[in-house]
Amino acid sequence: MKKVTIKNTDLEVAPINFGGNVFGWTLDEKQSFDILDKFVGGGFNFIDTANTYSWWVNGTGGQSETIIGNWMKAKGNRSDLVIATKVGSETKEHGVDSSKKHILKSVDESLARLQTDYIDLYYTHFDDEKTPVEETMEAYNEIVKAGKVRYIAASNVSPERLLASMEVAEKNNFPKYVALQPHYNLLIRDKFEKQYAPLAEKFNWSVFTYWSLEAGFLTGKYKTEADFDKSPRGAGIKQHFDDRGKAILKALDEVAKKHGSHPATVSLAWLLANPLVTAPIVSATSENQLKTLFSAPELQLDAEDLSLLEKVSKS
């Protein structure tokens, strides 16, 4: 698997980023180990999680990092991997928090759960929008200098606060954000393309998209209204099953048939065709699902495919 370098870093990753929100939620530890073994067995090395996954199960989170930590310890493969985790999101115990105190406490807890000395990529998961950005960036400066974190990145942070954070980092010679993790896919395009893509270009950020398959909507498994009622995630995405959503699913089917592929693979290949996108984040709970992910970097969409997908997904 050909690796790409995350911009502004020396981290090399295969171009699919595994989303670890399923560990300790829809997959138990044994099943998680099995999926992780198969993922790295396919030549991939980039794993994304957060300190609060899966807080909606136990109130506090931590399960995903713990499972990844146990797996890395069992396999002795930490140095072969690029591990991303996040700080700042809410749990039942606290709200969104990007304060220095919270970051310094959380990074040590993440390192302990992951059973590692360092985190490759550490994200501001959510921004509380009240902590001064100087304070947040100063916290990152401290933990990067201490060797606990190699690089920092941002996910759900407003364009204004991102700009301010980069200015503060420049002025104080603090580490700067090197990557962005936005909600972006064939169905949800506007916010990223209008508000965040210009920043990614300006600062030369790598982009790792979350909800790359819109909670399964873009996998093609939902064909009728009734299908959405059969899945626990279906209710949340049923709203997309309008004329535009149906046209996107139809186009994905067409392109998938043409290439002997799957709608999920085509959806990810569309993201990878965007020069800003370095590696889409996507989860899998079975070997079959993994195979559709593995095929995405190999699938080269032609001009006709891209034109069709562009036409149906423009909002």
Protein backbone atom coordinates (compact mmCIF):
# COMPACT_ATOMS: atom_id res chain seq x y z
CA MET A 1 0.00 0.00 0.00
CA LYS A 2 1.51 3.31 -1.12
CA LYS A 3 1.83 5.67 1.83
CA VAL A 4 1.39 9.45 1.84
CA THR A 5 3.04 11.95 4.17
CA ILE A 6 0.77 14.03 6.38
CA LYS A 7 1.58 17.61 5.37
CA ASN A 8 3.89 19.57 7.69
CA THR A 9 4.96 16.34 9.46
CA ASP A 10 7.17 13.29 8.99
CA LEU A 11 4.22 10.92 9.55
CA GLU A 12 3.57 8.48 6.72
CA VAL A 13 0.12 6.92 6.45
CA ALA A 14 -1.79 4.64 4.13
CA PRO A 15 -4.70 6.68 2.71
CA ILE A 16 -7.54 5.23 4.80
CA ASN A 17 -7.86 6.25 8.45
CA PHE A 18 -9.69 3.69 10.66
CA GLY A 19 -12.31 5.30 12.92
CA GLY A 20 -12.07 3.78 16.38
CA ASN A 21 -15.48 4.91 17.68
CA VAL A 22 -16.74 1.32 17.15
CA PHE A 23 -14.27 -0.17 19.68
CA GLY A 24 -16.10 -0.89 22.92
CA TRP A 25 -19.42 0.09 21.34
CA THR A 26 -20.51 -2.07 18.40
CA LEU A 27 -17.38 -4.27 18.70
CA ASP A 28 -16.16 -5.89 21.93
CA GLU A 29 -12.42 -6.21 22.64
CA LYS A 30 -11.97 -9.56 20.88
CA GLN A 31 -13.84 -8.39 17.75
CA SER A 32 -11.88 -5.09 17.82
CA PHE A 33 -8.56 -6.98 17.93
CA ASP A 34 -9.68 -9.05 14.94
CA ILE A 35 -10.65 -5.98 12.85
CA LEU A 36 -7.43 -4.16 13.81
CA ASP A 37 -5.36 -7.23 12.83
CA LYS A 38 -7.07 -7.36 9.44
CA PHE A 39 -6.72 -3.58 8.95
CA VAL A 40 -2.97 -3.56 9.49
CA GLY A 41 -2.72 -6.88 7.64
CA GLY A 42 -4.10 -5.02 4.61
CA GLY A 43 -1.13 -2.62 4.71
CA PHE A 44 -2.85 0.21 6.62
CA ASN A 45 -1.39 1.94 9.67
CA PHE A 46 -3.51 5.00 10.62
CA ILE A 47 -5.95 4.69 13.54
CA ASP A 48 -8.18 7.49 14.83
CA THR A 49 -9.93 7.58 18.20
CA ALA A 50 -10.92 10.03 20.96
CA ASN A 51 -10.61 10.05 24.73
CA THR A 52 -14.40 10.13 25.08
CA TYR A 53 -15.30 7.18 22.78
CA SER A 54 -17.79 5.69 23.67
CA TRP A 55 -19.14 7.96 26.40
CA TRP A 56 -22.71 7.36 25.19
CA VAL A 57 -22.32 3.76 26.41
CA ASN A 58 -20.74 4.23 29.86
CA GLY A 59 -21.08 7.97 30.51
CA THR A 60 -17.34 8.75 30.46
CA GLY A 61 -15.73 7.01 27.46
CA GLY A 62 -12.20 5.63 27.40
CA GLN A 63 -13.08 2.19 26.04
CA SER A 64 -11.75 2.78 22.53
CA GLU A 65 -8.32 4.02 23.68
CA THR A 66 -8.12 1.17 26.22
CA ILE A 67 -8.81 -1.47 23.55
CA ILE A 68 -6.29 0.06 21.12
CA GLY A 69 -3.72 0.21 23.95
CA ASN A 70 -4.29 -3.44 24.88
CA TRP A 71 -4.04 -4.47 21.23
CA MET A 72 -0.79 -2.53 20.61
CA LYS A 73 0.72 -4.03 23.76
CA ALA A 74 -0.30 -7.55 22.72
CA LYS A 75 1.11 -7.09 19.21
CA GLY A 76 4.16 -4.98 20.11
CA ASN A 77 3.49 -2.86 17.00
CA ARG A 78 3.28 0.71 18.36
CA SER A 79 6.19 1.98 16.23
CA ASP A 80 4.51 0.75 13.01
CA LEU A 81 1.37 2.81 13.62
CA VAL A 82 0.19 6.40 13.45
CA ILE A 83 -2.23 6.96 16.34
CA ALA A 84 -4.55 9.97 16.48
CA THR A 85 -6.73 10.79 19.46
CA LYS A 86 -8.67 13.84 20.59
CA VAL A 87 -9.48 16.04 23.56
CA GLY A 88 -12.26 18.47 24.43
CA SER A 89 -15.56 16.73 23.77
CA GLU A 90 -18.29 16.30 26.34
CA THR A 91 -19.24 13.32 28.50
CA LYS A 92 -21.94 12.88 31.13
CA GLU A 93 -19.40 14.23 33.64
CA HIS A 94 -18.41 17.47 31.87
CA GLY A 95 -19.25 19.69 28.92
CA VAL A 96 -17.02 20.59 25.97
CA ASP A 97 -13.71 21.78 27.43
CA SER A 98 -10.63 23.15 25.64
CA SER A 99 -8.99 24.63 28.74
CA LYS A 100 -5.32 24.10 29.56
CA LYS A 101 -6.18 22.26 32.78
CA HIS A 102 -8.43 19.81 30.91
CA ILE A 103 -5.90 19.22 28.11
CA LEU A 104 -2.98 18.56 30.52
CA LYS A 105 -5.08 16.10 32.55
CA SER A 106 -6.62 14.40 29.50
CA VAL A 107 -3.38 13.81 27.60
CA ASP A 108 -1.92 11.85 30.53
CA GLU A 109 -5.09 9.78 30.81
CA SER A 110 -5.01 9.04 27.06
CA LEU A 111 -1.34 8.02 27.19
CA ALA A 112 -2.10 5.65 30.09
CA ARG A 113 -5.05 4.03 28.30
CA LEU A 114 -3.13 3.73 25.03
CA GLN A 115 -0.11 2.36 26.98
CA THR A 116 2.24 4.55 24.96
CA ASP A 117 4.71 7.38 25.62
CA TYR A 118 3.49 9.57 22.77
CA ILE A 119 0.49 10.41 20.59
CA ASP A 120 1.26 11.05 16.92
CA LEU A 121 -1.64 13.41 16.20
CA TYR A 122 -3.65 15.12 18.94
CA TYR A 123 -6.87 16.93 17.98
CA THR A 124 -8.96 19.65 19.49
CA HIS A 125 -12.10 17.50 19.17
CA PHE A 126 -14.52 20.30 20.11
CA ASP A 127 -13.83 23.88 21.10
CA ASP A 128 -15.71 25.33 24.09
CA GLU A 129 -15.50 28.76 22.39
CA LYS A 130 -14.82 30.47 25.72
CA THR A 131 -11.27 29.39 26.61
CA PRO A 132 -8.87 31.93 25.06
CA VAL A 133 -7.15 30.29 22.08
CA GLU A 134 -3.82 31.45 23.64
CA GLU A 135 -4.51 29.15 26.60
CA THR A 136 -5.36 26.14 24.42
CA MET A 137 -2.31 26.61 22.18
CA GLU A 138 -0.06 27.12 25.21
CA ALA A 139 -1.24 23.77 26.59
CA TYR A 140 -0.34 22.10 23.30
CA ASN A 141 3.07 23.80 23.34
CA GLU A 142 3.71 22.29 26.77
CA ILE A 143 2.76 18.72 25.86
CA VAL A 144 4.61 18.79 22.52
CA LYS A 145 7.76 20.07 24.28
CA ALA A 146 7.36 17.29 26.86
CA GLY A 147 7.32 14.71 24.04
CA LYS A 148 3.81 13.52 24.87
CA VAL A 149 2.38 14.65 21.52
CA ARG A 150 4.15 14.88 18.16
CA TYR A 151 1.70 17.05 16.18
CA ILE A 152 -1.62 18.80 16.81
CA ALA A 153 -4.73 19.09 14.67
CA ALA A 154 -8.31 20.39 14.86
CA SER A 155 -11.77 18.98 14.25
CA ASN A 156 -14.90 20.88 15.31
CA VAL A 157 -13.47 24.39 15.63
CA SER A 158 -14.97 27.47 13.96
CA PRO A 159 -13.08 29.06 11.05
CA GLU A 160 -12.62 32.23 13.14
CA ARG A 161 -11.09 30.36 16.09
CA LEU A 162 -8.89 28.29 13.74
CA LEU A 163 -7.49 31.47 12.21
CA ALA A 164 -6.92 32.99 15.64
CA SER A 165 -5.20 29.78 16.84
CA MET A 166 -2.80 29.80 13.89
CA GLU A 167 -1.99 33.50 14.49
CA VAL A 168 -1.29 32.87 18.19
CA ALA A 169 0.93 29.89 17.34
CA GLU A 170 2.86 31.96 14.79
CA LYS A 171 3.32 34.88 17.18
CA ASN A 172 4.46 32.77 20.13
CA ASN A 173 6.39 30.13 18.21
CA PHE A 174 3.96 27.45 19.46
CA PRO A 175 3.23 24.26 17.46
CA LYS A 176 0.63 24.89 14.76
CA TYR A 177 -2.29 22.73 13.70
CA VAL A 178 -1.13 20.50 10.81
CA ALA A 179 -4.43 18.88 9.86
CA LEU A 180 -8.18 19.30 9.87
CA GLN A 181 -10.88 16.71 10.57
CA PRO A 182 -14.16 18.01 9.09
CA HIS A 183 -17.57 16.42 8.50
CA TYR A 184 -17.43 15.99 4.72
CA ASN A 185 -18.73 13.52 2.17
CA LEU A 186 -20.65 13.31 -1.11
CA LEU A 187 -23.89 14.20 0.69
CA ILE A 188 -22.63 16.88 3.12
CA ARG A 189 -20.47 19.31 1.15
CA ASP A 190 -21.30 22.98 1.64
CA LYS A 191 -19.81 23.79 5.02
CA PHE A 192 -16.42 22.26 4.30
CA GLU A 193 -16.14 23.54 0.74
CA LYS A 194 -17.19 27.11 1.57
CA GLN A 195 -15.80 27.68 5.06
CA TYR A 196 -12.96 25.22 5.63
CA ALA A 197 -11.39 24.28 2.27
CA PRO A 198 -9.95 27.83 1.86
CA LEU A 199 -8.26 27.47 5.28
CA ALA A 200 -6.91 24.01 4.40
CA GLU A 201 -5.39 25.53 1.26
CA LYS A 202 -4.04 28.59 3.06
CA PHE A 203 -2.31 26.61 5.80
CA ASN A 204 -1.47 23.54 3.69
CA TRP A 205 -3.37 21.22 6.04
CA SER A 206 -3.98 17.55 5.45
CA VAL A 207 -7.71 16.79 5.61
CA PHE A 208 -9.12 13.66 7.25
CA THR A 209 -12.87 13.54 6.73
CA TYR A 210 -15.17 12.13 9.40
CA TRP A 211 -18.58 10.59 8.68
CA SER A 212 -17.08 9.88 5.25
CA LEU A 213 -19.99 7.52 4.46
CA GLU A 214 -22.62 9.57 6.37
CA ALA A 215 -23.33 6.86 8.98
CA GLY A 216 -23.79 4.23 6.27
CA PHE A 217 -26.11 6.23 3.99
CA LEU A 218 -23.49 6.23 1.19
CA THR A 219 -22.85 2.48 1.37
CA GLY A 220 -25.96 1.74 -0.70
CA LYS A 221 -27.51 -0.46 1.97
CA TYR A 222 -30.56 1.81 2.32
CA LYS A 223 -32.78 1.29 -0.72
CA THR A 224 -36.25 2.06 0.66
CA GLU A 225 -37.84 4.06 3.50
CA ALA A 226 -38.35 0.79 5.40
CA ASP A 227 -34.62 0.00 5.34
CA PHE A 228 -33.89 2.95 7.63
CA ASP A 229 -36.11 1.48 10.36
CA LYS A 230 -34.10 -1.76 10.41
CA SER A 231 -30.84 -0.16 11.53
CA PRO A 232 -29.97 1.64 14.81
CA ARG A 233 -28.29 4.43 12.81
CA GLY A 234 -31.03 4.58 10.18
CA ALA A 235 -33.34 7.00 11.98
CA GLY A 236 -30.65 9.68 12.11
CA ILE A 237 -30.02 9.68 8.36
CA LYS A 238 -33.50 8.99 7.01
CA GLN A 239 -33.88 12.74 6.36
CA HIS A 240 -31.32 12.45 3.53
CA PHE A 241 -33.58 10.10 1.56
CA ASP A 242 -35.01 12.94 -0.53
CA ASP A 243 -34.69 13.53 -4.29
CA ARG A 244 -31.07 14.62 -4.01
CA GLY A 245 -30.17 11.72 -1.71
CA LYS A 246 -31.82 9.21 -4.03
CA ALA A 247 -30.03 10.69 -7.06
CA ILE A 248 -26.67 10.35 -5.26
CA LEU A 249 -27.39 6.71 -4.37
CA LYS A 250 -28.43 5.99 -7.98
CA ALA A 251 -25.23 7.57 -9.33
CA LEU A 252 -23.11 5.62 -6.83
CA ASP A 253 -24.78 2.40 -7.99
CA GLU A 254 -24.07 3.27 -11.64
CA VAL A 255 -20.40 4.09 -11.05
CA ALA A 256 -19.95 1.03 -8.81
CA LYS A 257 -21.43 -1.26 -11.49
CA LYS A 258 -19.19 0.25 -14.16
CA HIS A 259 -16.05 -0.51 -12.10
CA GLY A 260 -17.24 -3.79 -10.58
CA SER A 261 -17.06 -2.05 -7.21
CA HIS A 262 -19.31 -0.98 -4.31
CA PRO A 263 -21.06 2.34 -3.53
CA ALA A 264 -19.00 2.71 -0.32
CA THR A 265 -15.76 2.26 -2.25
CA VAL A 266 -16.88 4.82 -4.85
CA SER A 267 -17.85 7.31 -2.10
CA LEU A 268 -14.38 7.05 -0.57
CA ALA A 269 -12.66 7.20 -3.98
CA TRP A 270 -14.58 10.43 -4.65
CA LEU A 271 -13.14 11.91 -1.44
CA LEU A 272 -9.64 10.72 -2.35
CA ALA A 273 -9.96 12.36 -5.78
CA ASN A 274 -10.07 15.71 -3.95
CA PRO A 275 -6.44 16.92 -3.68
CA LEU A 276 -7.16 18.35 -0.22
CA VAL A 277 -8.21 14.98 1.25
CA THR A 278 -5.32 12.88 2.53
CA ALA A 279 -7.23 9.99 4.15
CA PRO A 280 -10.97 9.60 4.82
CA ILE A 281 -11.86 8.27 8.27
CA VAL A 282 -14.12 5.26 8.10
CA SER A 283 -15.09 2.37 10.36
CA ALA A 284 -15.86 -1.26 9.67
CA THR A 285 -17.31 -4.01 11.80
CA SER A 286 -16.76 -6.95 9.45
CA GLU A 287 -14.18 -8.31 7.03
CA ASN A 288 -16.52 -7.63 4.09
CA GLN A 289 -16.82 -3.97 5.03
CA LEU A 290 -13.04 -3.75 5.40
CA LYS A 291 -12.57 -5.03 1.84
CA THR A 292 -14.70 -2.20 0.43
CA LEU A 293 -12.46 0.28 2.29
CA PHE A 294 -9.26 -1.38 1.12
CA SER A 295 -10.33 -1.02 -2.51
CA ALA A 296 -10.92 2.75 -2.34
CA PRO A 297 -7.30 3.96 -2.84
CA GLU A 298 -7.01 1.61 -5.85
CA LEU A 299 -10.18 2.87 -7.56
CA GLN A 300 -9.38 5.65 -10.02
CA LEU A 301 -12.58 7.47 -10.94
CA ASP A 302 -12.52 8.90 -14.47
CA ALA A 303 -13.73 12.34 -15.60
CA GLU A 304 -17.17 10.94 -16.51
CA ASP A 305 -17.62 9.41 -13.03
CA LEU A 306 -16.54 12.59 -11.27
CA SER A 307 -18.77 14.74 -13.46
CA LEU A 308 -21.83 12.57 -12.71
CA LEU A 309 -21.15 12.56 -8.96
CA GLU A 310 -20.53 16.31 -8.99
CA LYS A 311 -23.82 16.95 -10.81
CA VAL A 312 -26.04 14.89 -8.49
CA SER A 313 -24.39 16.00 -5.24
CA LYS A 314 -24.27 19.75 -5.83
CA SER A 315 -26.69 21.28 -3.33
